[in-house]
């Protein structure tokens, strides 16, 4: 049973959303400088790297990340490979091979080539995203978690509709995945976000295991 780490490496070299603070790993003490231990301080957005969006991210009265059930984050998932498109629409999904009763779906797109190339330091405004009509289709199918292989699931120039459609329906959004080494198919997803009090999102470690 093969295990895939689909989390992005958190480092100062990783691209972040425009206007978000850069990732900083600050060494506050070093053994080589005479300290008893090495100690690192971390500074970054809750939406840096691999992370989840809680409903509160776009809904004033939505649930915060510390109140999201981990049952949604762990279980069978389907990776759907959608190459050669800039936006995933309902029409594309209706013609796809998503198995019946799928509750968690992860979209592998041309975005994953960014992570595979090692050129992850520059934010790409033209990333592949999910259209609002595709989000509605996912809800109609009973999907409870949707993931994608870039830092946002919505188009760069129109963030609200796709996010709000999913979050209003209680669908968890998992962003910033690295699916470069993962083939289309069924897996078991394990995704554990940090338990941040009252937060609209949280960094997460996500892995897939073959089934």
C-alpha atoms as a PDB file:
ATOM      1  CA  UNK A   1       0.000   0.000   0.000  1.00  0.00           C
ATOM      2  CA  UNK A   2       1.737   3.151  -1.227  1.00  0.00           C
ATOM      3  CA  UNK A   3       1.544   6.392   0.746  1.00  0.00           C
ATOM      4  CA  UNK A   4       1.729   9.788  -0.958  1.00  0.00           C
ATOM      5  CA  UNK A   5       2.521  12.976   0.915  1.00  0.00           C
ATOM      6  CA  UNK A   6       0.418  15.522  -0.985  1.00  0.00           C
ATOM      7  CA  UNK A   7       1.379  18.464   1.229  1.00  0.00           C
ATOM      8  CA  UNK A   8       3.493  21.359  -0.003  1.00  0.00           C
ATOM      9  CA  UNK A   9       6.834  22.022   1.652  1.00  0.00           C
ATOM     10  CA  UNK A  10       6.509  25.052   3.929  1.00  0.00           C
ATOM     11  CA  UNK A  11       9.488  27.305   3.296  1.00  0.00           C
ATOM     12  CA  UNK A  12      10.252  30.965   2.528  1.00  0.00           C
ATOM     13  CA  UNK A  13      10.580  29.907  -1.120  1.00  0.00           C
ATOM     14  CA  UNK A  14       6.927  28.857  -1.430  1.00  0.00           C
ATOM     15  CA  UNK A  15       4.560  31.217  -3.258  1.00  0.00           C
ATOM     16  CA  UNK A  16       1.795  32.790  -1.185  1.00  0.00           C
ATOM     17  CA  UNK A  17      -1.436  34.536  -2.092  1.00  0.00           C
ATOM     18  CA  UNK A  18      -0.810  38.144  -3.210  1.00  0.00           C
ATOM     19  CA  UNK A  19      -0.879  40.541  -0.247  1.00  0.00           C
ATOM     20  CA  UNK A  20      -0.420  37.676   2.237  1.00  0.00           C
ATOM     21  CA  UNK A  21       2.765  37.802   4.311  1.00  0.00           C
ATOM     22  CA  UNK A  22       5.712  35.812   3.073  1.00  0.00           C
ATOM     23  CA  UNK A  23       6.480  32.628   4.952  1.00  0.00           C
ATOM     24  CA  UNK A  24       9.177  33.174   7.541  1.00  0.00           C
ATOM     25  CA  UNK A  25      11.047  30.493   9.484  1.00  0.00           C
ATOM     26  CA  UNK A  26      13.048  32.451  12.014  1.00  0.00           C
ATOM     27  CA  UNK A  27      15.740  30.721  14.026  1.00  0.00           C
ATOM     28  CA  UNK A  28      15.476  32.295  17.483  1.00  0.00           C
ATOM     29  CA  UNK A  29      18.154  30.167  19.052  1.00  0.00           C
ATOM     30  CA  UNK A  30      20.890  27.871  17.741  1.00  0.00           C
ATOM     31  CA  UNK A  31      22.983  25.219  19.428  1.00  0.00           C
ATOM     32  CA  UNK A  32      25.909  26.258  17.240  1.00  0.00           C
ATOM     33  CA  UNK A  33      25.663  29.740  18.787  1.00  0.00           C
ATOM     34  CA  UNK A  34      25.778  28.394  22.326  1.00  0.00           C
ATOM     35  CA  UNK A  35      22.077  27.864  23.039  1.00  0.00           C
ATOM     36  CA  UNK A  36      20.772  24.691  24.647  1.00  0.00           C
ATOM     37  CA  UNK A  37      18.433  24.030  21.711  1.00  0.00           C
ATOM     38  CA  UNK A  38      17.475  25.016  18.191  1.00  0.00           C
ATOM     39  CA  UNK A  39      14.199  26.981  18.234  1.00  0.00           C
ATOM     40  CA  UNK A  40      12.304  28.188  15.169  1.00  0.00           C
ATOM     41  CA  UNK A  41       9.515  30.760  15.068  1.00  0.00           C
ATOM     42  CA  UNK A  42       6.976  30.502  12.244  1.00  0.00           C
ATOM     43  CA  UNK A  43       5.131  33.395  10.610  1.00  0.00           C
ATOM     44  CA  UNK A  44       2.636  32.892   7.783  1.00  0.00           C
ATOM     45  CA  UNK A  45      -1.023  33.132   6.765  1.00  0.00           C
ATOM     46  CA  UNK A  46      -3.456  30.421   7.862  1.00  0.00           C
ATOM     47  CA  UNK A  47      -3.989  29.914   4.115  1.00  0.00           C
ATOM     48  CA  UNK A  48      -0.358  29.321   3.167  1.00  0.00           C
ATOM     49  CA  UNK A  49       0.738  26.065   1.592  1.00  0.00           C
ATOM     50  CA  UNK A  50      -1.575  23.081   1.990  1.00  0.00           C
ATOM     51  CA  UNK A  51      -4.561  24.262   4.009  1.00  0.00           C
ATOM     52  CA  UNK A  52      -8.291  24.016   4.497  1.00  0.00           C
ATOM     53  CA  UNK A  53     -10.891  26.744   4.205  1.00  0.00           C
ATOM     54  CA  UNK A  54     -13.514  26.750   6.936  1.00  0.00           C
ATOM     55  CA  UNK A  55     -16.988  28.213   6.204  1.00  0.00           C
ATOM     56  CA  UNK A  56     -16.051  31.296   8.262  1.00  0.00           C
ATOM     57  CA  UNK A  57     -13.550  32.218   5.524  1.00  0.00           C
ATOM     58  CA  UNK A  58     -16.407  33.580   3.367  1.00  0.00           C
ATOM     59  CA  UNK A  59     -19.444  33.380   5.676  1.00  0.00           C
ATOM     60  CA  UNK A  60     -19.717  35.704   8.663  1.00  0.00           C
ATOM     61  CA  UNK A  61     -21.718  33.161  10.681  1.00  0.00           C
ATOM     62  CA  UNK A  62     -19.910  30.095   9.315  1.00  0.00           C
ATOM     63  CA  UNK A  63     -18.132  27.443  11.341  1.00  0.00           C
ATOM     64  CA  UNK A  64     -14.508  28.089  12.260  1.00  0.00           C
ATOM     65  CA  UNK A  65     -11.788  25.564  11.614  1.00  0.00           C
ATOM     66  CA  UNK A  66     -11.685  24.248  15.184  1.00  0.00           C
ATOM     67  CA  UNK A  67     -15.333  23.153  14.871  1.00  0.00           C
ATOM     68  CA  UNK A  68     -15.050  21.178  11.643  1.00  0.00           C
ATOM     69  CA  UNK A  69     -15.489  17.427  12.103  1.00  0.00           C
ATOM     70  CA  UNK A  70     -12.383  15.379  11.388  1.00  0.00           C
ATOM     71  CA  UNK A  71     -14.702  12.716   9.957  1.00  0.00           C
ATOM     72  CA  UNK A  72     -14.861  14.899   6.854  1.00  0.00           C
ATOM     73  CA  UNK A  73     -11.063  14.916   6.609  1.00  0.00           C
ATOM     74  CA  UNK A  74     -10.443  11.194   6.823  1.00  0.00           C
ATOM     75  CA  UNK A  75     -11.847   8.537   4.503  1.00  0.00           C
ATOM     76  CA  UNK A  76     -12.221   7.365   0.941  1.00  0.00           C
ATOM     77  CA  UNK A  77     -11.391   9.952  -1.713  1.00  0.00           C
ATOM     78  CA  UNK A  78     -11.255  10.031  -5.484  1.00  0.00           C
ATOM     79  CA  UNK A  79      -8.524  11.818  -7.431  1.00  0.00           C
ATOM     80  CA  UNK A  80      -9.854  13.067 -10.765  1.00  0.00           C
ATOM     81  CA  UNK A  81      -7.293  14.054 -13.395  1.00  0.00           C
ATOM     82  CA  UNK A  82      -8.517  17.022 -15.453  1.00  0.00           C
ATOM     83  CA  UNK A  83      -5.708  18.024 -17.846  1.00  0.00           C
ATOM     84  CA  UNK A  84      -5.667  20.725 -20.491  1.00  0.00           C
ATOM     85  CA  UNK A  85      -8.330  23.064 -19.102  1.00  0.00           C
ATOM     86  CA  UNK A  86      -8.166  26.437 -17.356  1.00  0.00           C
ATOM     87  CA  UNK A  87     -11.440  26.118 -15.493  1.00  0.00           C
ATOM     88  CA  UNK A  88     -13.318  22.976 -14.433  1.00  0.00           C
ATOM     89  CA  UNK A  89     -16.978  23.338 -15.390  1.00  0.00           C
ATOM     90  CA  UNK A  90     -20.106  21.328 -14.660  1.00  0.00           C
ATOM     91  CA  UNK A  91     -20.064  20.037 -18.240  1.00  0.00           C
ATOM     92  CA  UNK A  92     -16.562  18.655 -17.781  1.00  0.00           C
ATOM     93  CA  UNK A  93     -17.551  16.910 -14.552  1.00  0.00           C
ATOM     94  CA  UNK A  94     -20.734  15.447 -16.017  1.00  0.00           C
ATOM     95  CA  UNK A  95     -18.578  13.731 -18.648  1.00  0.00           C
ATOM     96  CA  UNK A  96     -15.972  12.538 -16.139  1.00  0.00           C
ATOM     97  CA  UNK A  97     -15.504   9.213 -14.382  1.00  0.00           C
ATOM     98  CA  UNK A  98     -16.354  10.232 -10.806  1.00  0.00           C
ATOM     99  CA  UNK A  99     -17.639   7.080  -9.083  1.00  0.00           C
ATOM    100  CA  UNK A 100     -21.131   7.079  -7.557  1.00  0.00           C
ATOM    101  CA  UNK A 101     -21.371   7.981  -3.840  1.00  0.00           C
ATOM    102  CA  UNK A 102     -18.031   9.844  -3.881  1.00  0.00           C
ATOM    103  CA  UNK A 103     -17.821  12.037  -0.759  1.00  0.00           C
ATOM    104  CA  UNK A 104     -14.332  13.454  -1.176  1.00  0.00           C
ATOM    105  CA  UNK A 105     -12.872  14.528  -4.499  1.00  0.00           C
ATOM    106  CA  UNK A 106      -9.425  15.926  -5.260  1.00  0.00           C
ATOM    107  CA  UNK A 107      -8.785  17.595  -8.606  1.00  0.00           C
ATOM    108  CA  UNK A 108      -5.436  16.941 -10.237  1.00  0.00           C
ATOM    109  CA  UNK A 109      -4.887  19.548 -12.945  1.00  0.00           C
ATOM    110  CA  UNK A 110      -2.070  21.181 -14.864  1.00  0.00           C
ATOM    111  CA  UNK A 111      -1.378  23.067 -11.622  1.00  0.00           C
ATOM    112  CA  UNK A 112       0.522  20.026 -10.369  1.00  0.00           C
ATOM    113  CA  UNK A 113       3.147  20.625 -13.043  1.00  0.00           C
ATOM    114  CA  UNK A 114       4.111  23.780 -11.128  1.00  0.00           C
ATOM    115  CA  UNK A 115       5.029  21.747  -8.046  1.00  0.00           C
ATOM    116  CA  UNK A 116       6.717  19.035 -10.142  1.00  0.00           C
ATOM    117  CA  UNK A 117       8.910  21.609 -11.908  1.00  0.00           C
ATOM    118  CA  UNK A 118      10.246  23.000  -8.638  1.00  0.00           C
ATOM    119  CA  UNK A 119       9.226  26.502  -9.749  1.00  0.00           C
ATOM    120  CA  UNK A 120       6.923  27.098  -6.794  1.00  0.00           C
ATOM    121  CA  UNK A 121       8.174  30.502  -5.707  1.00  0.00           C
ATOM    122  CA  UNK A 122       6.172  32.688  -8.072  1.00  0.00           C
ATOM    123  CA  UNK A 123       2.419  33.044  -7.730  1.00  0.00           C
ATOM    124  CA  UNK A 124       0.598  32.060 -10.935  1.00  0.00           C
ATOM    125  CA  UNK A 125      -2.596  34.077 -11.481  1.00  0.00           C
ATOM    126  CA  UNK A 126      -3.609  31.753 -14.327  1.00  0.00           C
ATOM    127  CA  UNK A 127      -3.951  28.624 -12.203  1.00  0.00           C
ATOM    128  CA  UNK A 128      -6.674  26.058 -12.977  1.00  0.00           C
ATOM    129  CA  UNK A 129      -9.785  26.550 -10.851  1.00  0.00           C
ATOM    130  CA  UNK A 130     -13.335  25.313 -10.291  1.00  0.00           C
ATOM    131  CA  UNK A 131     -16.356  27.136 -11.734  1.00  0.00           C
ATOM    132  CA  UNK A 132     -19.374  27.910  -9.544  1.00  0.00           C
ATOM    133  CA  UNK A 133     -21.611  25.644 -11.625  1.00  0.00           C
ATOM    134  CA  UNK A 134     -19.178  22.786 -11.053  1.00  0.00           C
ATOM    135  CA  UNK A 135     -19.304  23.498  -7.311  1.00  0.00           C
ATOM    136  CA  UNK A 136     -23.112  23.234  -7.412  1.00  0.00           C
ATOM    137  CA  UNK A 137     -22.803  19.936  -9.260  1.00  0.00           C
ATOM    138  CA  UNK A 138     -20.504  18.571  -6.564  1.00  0.00           C
ATOM    139  CA  UNK A 139     -23.057  19.491  -3.916  1.00  0.00           C
ATOM    140  CA  UNK A 140     -25.847  17.813  -5.867  1.00  0.00           C
ATOM    141  CA  UNK A 141     -23.741  14.632  -5.927  1.00  0.00           C
ATOM    142  CA  UNK A 142     -23.360  14.712  -2.149  1.00  0.00           C
ATOM    143  CA  UNK A 143     -19.652  15.576  -2.059  1.00  0.00           C
ATOM    144  CA  UNK A 144     -18.471  16.774   1.384  1.00  0.00           C
ATOM    145  CA  UNK A 145     -14.830  17.689   0.667  1.00  0.00           C
ATOM    146  CA  UNK A 146     -13.314  19.208  -2.470  1.00  0.00           C
ATOM    147  CA  UNK A 147      -9.578  19.638  -2.964  1.00  0.00           C
ATOM    148  CA  UNK A 148      -7.432  21.186  -5.686  1.00  0.00           C
ATOM    149  CA  UNK A 149      -3.737  21.451  -6.504  1.00  0.00           C
ATOM    150  CA  UNK A 150      -3.260  25.210  -6.156  1.00  0.00           C
ATOM    151  CA  UNK A 151      -3.641  27.832  -3.445  1.00  0.00           C
ATOM    152  CA  UNK A 152      -7.283  28.600  -4.255  1.00  0.00           C
ATOM    153  CA  UNK A 153     -10.181  26.640  -5.708  1.00  0.00           C
ATOM    154  CA  UNK A 154     -11.811  29.760  -7.218  1.00  0.00           C
ATOM    155  CA  UNK A 155     -10.646  31.741 -10.267  1.00  0.00           C
ATOM    156  CA  UNK A 156      -8.138  34.429  -9.299  1.00  0.00           C
ATOM    157  CA  UNK A 157     -10.348  37.271 -10.560  1.00  0.00           C
ATOM    158  CA  UNK A 158     -13.610  35.973  -9.023  1.00  0.00           C
ATOM    159  CA  UNK A 159     -13.050  34.379  -5.630  1.00  0.00           C
ATOM    160  CA  UNK A 160     -16.507  34.588  -4.067  1.00  0.00           C
ATOM    161  CA  UNK A 161     -19.015  32.444  -6.045  1.00  0.00           C
ATOM    162  CA  UNK A 162     -17.232  29.065  -5.956  1.00  0.00           C
ATOM    163  CA  UNK A 163     -16.089  29.467  -2.363  1.00  0.00           C
ATOM    164  CA  UNK A 164     -19.487  30.577  -1.074  1.00  0.00           C
ATOM    165  CA  UNK A 165     -21.354  27.877  -3.001  1.00  0.00           C
ATOM    166  CA  UNK A 166     -19.272  25.130  -1.394  1.00  0.00           C
ATOM    167  CA  UNK A 167     -18.958  26.617   2.082  1.00  0.00           C
ATOM    168  CA  UNK A 168     -22.662  27.469   2.404  1.00  0.00           C
ATOM    169  CA  UNK A 169     -23.373  23.779   1.762  1.00  0.00           C
ATOM    170  CA  UNK A 170     -20.926  22.716   4.479  1.00  0.00           C
ATOM    171  CA  UNK A 171     -18.356  21.390   1.998  1.00  0.00           C
ATOM    172  CA  UNK A 172     -14.774  21.553   3.260  1.00  0.00           C
ATOM    173  CA  UNK A 173     -12.294  23.079   0.805  1.00  0.00           C
ATOM    174  CA  UNK A 174      -8.766  21.670   0.731  1.00  0.00           C
ATOM    175  CA  UNK A 175      -6.284  23.795  -1.202  1.00  0.00           C
ATOM    176  CA  UNK A 176      -2.590  23.743  -2.004  1.00  0.00           C
ATOM    177  CA  UNK A 177      -2.271  20.032  -2.774  1.00  0.00           C
ATOM    178  CA  UNK A 178       0.661  18.507  -4.619  1.00  0.00           C
ATOM    179  CA  UNK A 179      -0.766  15.700  -6.747  1.00  0.00           C
ATOM    180  CA  UNK A 180       2.132  15.516  -9.196  1.00  0.00           C
ATOM    181  CA  UNK A 181       2.966  11.908  -8.293  1.00  0.00           C
ATOM    182  CA  UNK A 182      -0.614  10.723  -7.841  1.00  0.00           C
ATOM    183  CA  UNK A 183      -2.606   8.928 -10.548  1.00  0.00           C
ATOM    184  CA  UNK A 184      -6.343   9.166 -11.020  1.00  0.00           C
ATOM    185  CA  UNK A 185      -8.207   6.708  -8.840  1.00  0.00           C
ATOM    186  CA  UNK A 186      -9.454   5.773  -5.380  1.00  0.00           C
ATOM    187  CA  UNK A 187      -7.442   6.465  -2.226  1.00  0.00           C
ATOM    188  CA  UNK A 188      -7.850   6.971   1.483  1.00  0.00           C
ATOM    189  CA  UNK A 189      -7.311  10.599   2.512  1.00  0.00           C
ATOM    190  CA  UNK A 190      -5.872  11.628   5.865  1.00  0.00           C
ATOM    191  CA  UNK A 191      -5.917  15.390   6.349  1.00  0.00           C
ATOM    192  CA  UNK A 192      -5.288  16.966   9.754  1.00  0.00           C
ATOM    193  CA  UNK A 193      -5.572  20.765   9.965  1.00  0.00           C
ATOM    194  CA  UNK A 194      -4.116  22.652  12.896  1.00  0.00           C
ATOM    195  CA  UNK A 195      -6.693  23.306  15.616  1.00  0.00           C
ATOM    196  CA  UNK A 196      -6.615  27.111  15.508  1.00  0.00           C
ATOM    197  CA  UNK A 197      -9.177  28.824  17.739  1.00  0.00           C
ATOM    198  CA  UNK A 198     -11.766  30.819  15.808  1.00  0.00           C
ATOM    199  CA  UNK A 199      -9.831  30.711  12.543  1.00  0.00           C
ATOM    200  CA  UNK A 200     -11.172  30.875   8.983  1.00  0.00           C
ATOM    201  CA  UNK A 201      -8.644  28.261   7.856  1.00  0.00           C
ATOM    202  CA  UNK A 202      -5.608  26.281   8.901  1.00  0.00           C
ATOM    203  CA  UNK A 203      -2.474  24.696   7.473  1.00  0.00           C
ATOM    204  CA  UNK A 204      -2.793  20.929   7.128  1.00  0.00           C
ATOM    205  CA  UNK A 205      -0.709  17.825   6.535  1.00  0.00           C
ATOM    206  CA  UNK A 206      -2.430  15.687   3.925  1.00  0.00           C
ATOM    207  CA  UNK A 207      -1.567  12.206   2.707  1.00  0.00           C
ATOM    208  CA  UNK A 208      -3.145   9.642   0.433  1.00  0.00           C
ATOM    209  CA  UNK A 209      -2.918   5.879   0.719  1.00  0.00           C
ATOM    210  CA  UNK A 210      -3.752   3.563  -2.129  1.00  0.00           C
ATOM    211  CA  UNK A 211      -6.693   1.228  -1.630  1.00  0.00           C
END
